[in-house]
Amino acid sequence: MQVTMVGDQHPKGVNHLFNNVSQQFSNDQLTSLTQAVALLTNEKCVGVNVIVTDHVTLD
């Protein structure tokens, strides 16, 4: 999951990556996460990208 934050130090935005996030999450959980990041960074969340990676086994 990639959370894009904007603030005084990052007027063009900065991306924060979170690995190993459950693939099944609710909008409430996503909102809680972005609010926590905003509180910790003193910046505003302007977007979230959910990145899914599939593992392929080669024989």
N, C-alpha and C. Protein backbone atom coordinates (compact mmCIF):
# COMPACT_ATOMS: atom_id res chain seq x y z
N MET A 1 0.85 -1.15 0.00
CA MET A 1 0.00 0.00 0.00
C MET A 1 0.91 1.22 0.00
N GLN A 2 0.58 2.17 -0.85
CA GLN A 2 1.33 3.42 -0.95
C GLN A 2 0.41 4.57 -0.59
N VAL A 3 0.80 5.32 0.42
CA VAL A 3 0.01 6.46 0.89
C VAL A 3 0.75 7.73 0.49
N THR A 4 0.09 8.62 -0.23
CA THR A 4 0.69 9.88 -0.66
C THR A 4 0.25 10.99 0.28
N MET A 5 1.24 11.67 0.85
CA MET A 5 1.00 12.74 1.81
C MET A 5 1.56 14.06 1.27
N VAL A 6 0.87 15.16 1.58
CA VAL A 6 1.29 16.50 1.17
C VAL A 6 1.33 17.38 2.40
N GLY A 7 2.37 18.21 2.49
CA GLY A 7 2.50 19.13 3.61
C GLY A 7 3.53 20.19 3.31
N ASP A 8 3.87 20.98 4.31
CA ASP A 8 4.84 22.06 4.14
C ASP A 8 6.19 21.55 3.66
N GLN A 9 6.65 20.44 4.20
CA GLN A 9 7.95 19.89 3.81
C GLN A 9 7.90 19.16 2.48
N HIS A 10 6.72 18.73 2.07
CA HIS A 10 6.56 17.98 0.81
C HIS A 10 5.38 18.55 0.01
N PRO A 11 5.52 19.77 -0.53
CA PRO A 11 4.40 20.39 -1.23
C PRO A 11 3.96 19.63 -2.49
N LYS A 12 4.87 18.87 -3.09
CA LYS A 12 4.53 18.07 -4.28
C LYS A 12 4.09 16.66 -3.90
N GLY A 13 4.21 16.33 -2.63
CA GLY A 13 3.79 15.02 -2.14
C GLY A 13 4.96 14.09 -1.91
N VAL A 14 4.76 13.18 -0.98
CA VAL A 14 5.75 12.15 -0.68
C VAL A 14 4.98 10.85 -0.47
N ASN A 15 5.54 9.75 -0.95
CA ASN A 15 4.89 8.45 -0.83
C ASN A 15 5.48 7.66 0.33
N HIS A 16 4.60 7.06 1.10
CA HIS A 16 5.01 6.17 2.19
C HIS A 16 4.49 4.78 1.84
N LEU A 17 5.39 3.80 1.82
CA LEU A 17 5.02 2.43 1.49
C LEU A 17 4.81 1.61 2.75
N PHE A 18 3.76 0.80 2.74
CA PHE A 18 3.47 -0.13 3.83
C PHE A 18 3.38 -1.52 3.22
N ASN A 19 4.29 -2.40 3.65
CA ASN A 19 4.33 -3.76 3.11
C ASN A 19 3.55 -4.72 3.99
N ASN A 20 3.18 -5.84 3.41
CA ASN A 20 2.50 -6.93 4.11
C ASN A 20 1.18 -6.51 4.73
N VAL A 21 0.45 -5.65 4.04
CA VAL A 21 -0.88 -5.25 4.49
C VAL A 21 -1.87 -6.32 4.04
N SER A 22 -2.81 -6.65 4.88
CA SER A 22 -3.83 -7.64 4.54
C SER A 22 -4.54 -7.22 3.26
N GLN A 23 -4.83 -8.19 2.40
CA GLN A 23 -5.53 -7.89 1.15
C GLN A 23 -7.00 -7.59 1.39
N GLN A 24 -7.50 -7.96 2.56
CA GLN A 24 -8.90 -7.72 2.88
C GLN A 24 -8.96 -6.68 3.99
N PHE A 25 -9.32 -5.46 3.63
CA PHE A 25 -9.44 -4.40 4.62
C PHE A 25 -10.68 -3.58 4.30
N SER A 26 -11.20 -2.93 5.32
CA SER A 26 -12.40 -2.12 5.15
C SER A 26 -12.02 -0.65 4.91
N ASN A 27 -12.98 0.11 4.44
CA ASN A 27 -12.75 1.55 4.27
C ASN A 27 -12.45 2.22 5.60
N ASP A 28 -13.10 1.73 6.67
CA ASP A 28 -12.84 2.28 8.01
C ASP A 28 -11.39 2.05 8.42
N GLN A 29 -10.86 0.86 8.14
CA GLN A 29 -9.46 0.57 8.47
C GLN A 29 -8.51 1.44 7.66
N LEU A 30 -8.83 1.63 6.39
CA LEU A 30 -8.01 2.48 5.53
C LEU A 30 -8.02 3.92 6.03
N THR A 31 -9.19 4.39 6.41
CA THR A 31 -9.32 5.74 6.95
C THR A 31 -8.52 5.89 8.23
N SER A 32 -8.60 4.89 9.11
CA SER A 32 -7.84 4.94 10.37
C SER A 32 -6.34 4.99 10.11
N LEU A 33 -5.88 4.19 9.15
CA LEU A 33 -4.45 4.18 8.83
C LEU A 33 -4.00 5.53 8.30
N THR A 34 -4.75 6.09 7.36
CA THR A 34 -4.34 7.38 6.79
C THR A 34 -4.42 8.51 7.82
N GLN A 35 -5.38 8.44 8.72
CA GLN A 35 -5.47 9.44 9.79
C GLN A 35 -4.28 9.33 10.74
N ALA A 36 -3.86 8.11 11.03
CA ALA A 36 -2.71 7.90 11.91
C ALA A 36 -1.43 8.43 11.26
N VAL A 37 -1.26 8.15 9.97
CA VAL A 37 -0.07 8.65 9.27
C VAL A 37 -0.10 10.18 9.22
N ALA A 38 -1.26 10.75 8.99
CA ALA A 38 -1.39 12.21 8.97
C ALA A 38 -1.03 12.81 10.32
N LEU A 39 -1.46 12.17 11.39
CA LEU A 39 -1.16 12.64 12.73
C LEU A 39 0.34 12.56 13.02
N LEU A 40 0.98 11.47 12.58
CA LEU A 40 2.40 11.28 12.83
C LEU A 40 3.28 12.20 11.99
N THR A 41 2.84 12.51 10.77
CA THR A 41 3.67 13.29 9.85
C THR A 41 3.28 14.76 9.80
N ASN A 42 2.14 15.10 10.36
CA ASN A 42 1.60 16.47 10.28
C ASN A 42 1.38 16.89 8.82
N GLU A 43 0.96 15.93 7.99
CA GLU A 43 0.68 16.17 6.59
C GLU A 43 -0.71 15.64 6.26
N LYS A 44 -1.17 15.91 5.05
CA LYS A 44 -2.51 15.51 4.63
C LYS A 44 -2.41 14.39 3.59
N CYS A 45 -3.23 13.36 3.76
CA CYS A 45 -3.28 12.26 2.81
C CYS A 45 -4.07 12.71 1.58
N VAL A 46 -3.46 12.56 0.40
CA VAL A 46 -4.14 12.94 -0.84
C VAL A 46 -4.43 11.75 -1.74
N GLY A 47 -3.97 10.56 -1.35
CA GLY A 47 -4.25 9.39 -2.17
C GLY A 47 -3.64 8.13 -1.61
N VAL A 48 -4.24 7.01 -2.01
CA VAL A 48 -3.75 5.70 -1.60
C VAL A 48 -3.75 4.79 -2.82
N ASN A 49 -2.65 4.09 -3.04
CA ASN A 49 -2.57 3.07 -4.08
C ASN A 49 -2.43 1.72 -3.41
N VAL A 50 -3.30 0.79 -3.77
CA VAL A 50 -3.19 -0.57 -3.26
C VAL A 50 -2.42 -1.37 -4.31
N ILE A 51 -1.29 -1.89 -3.90
CA ILE A 51 -0.40 -2.61 -4.81
C ILE A 51 -0.50 -4.10 -4.49
N VAL A 52 -0.88 -4.89 -5.49
CA VAL A 52 -1.04 -6.33 -5.30
C VAL A 52 0.05 -7.03 -6.10
N THR A 53 0.74 -7.95 -5.45
CA THR A 53 1.79 -8.71 -6.10
C THR A 53 1.40 -10.18 -6.09
N ASP A 54 1.44 -10.80 -7.25
CA ASP A 54 1.16 -12.22 -7.35
C ASP A 54 2.47 -12.98 -7.52
N HIS A 55 2.60 -14.08 -6.80
CA HIS A 55 3.79 -14.92 -6.89
C HIS A 55 3.56 -15.97 -7.96
N VAL A 56 4.52 -16.12 -8.85
CA VAL A 56 4.45 -17.12 -9.91
C VAL A 56 5.59 -18.10 -9.70
N THR A 57 5.26 -19.39 -9.61
CA THR A 57 6.26 -20.43 -9.45
C THR A 57 6.68 -20.95 -10.82
N LEU A 58 7.97 -20.96 -11.06
CA LEU A 58 8.49 -21.47 -12.32
C LEU A 58 8.96 -22.90 -12.12
N ASP A 59 8.59 -23.74 -13.05
CA ASP A 59 9.01 -25.15 -12.97
C ASP A 59 10.31 -25.38 -13.68
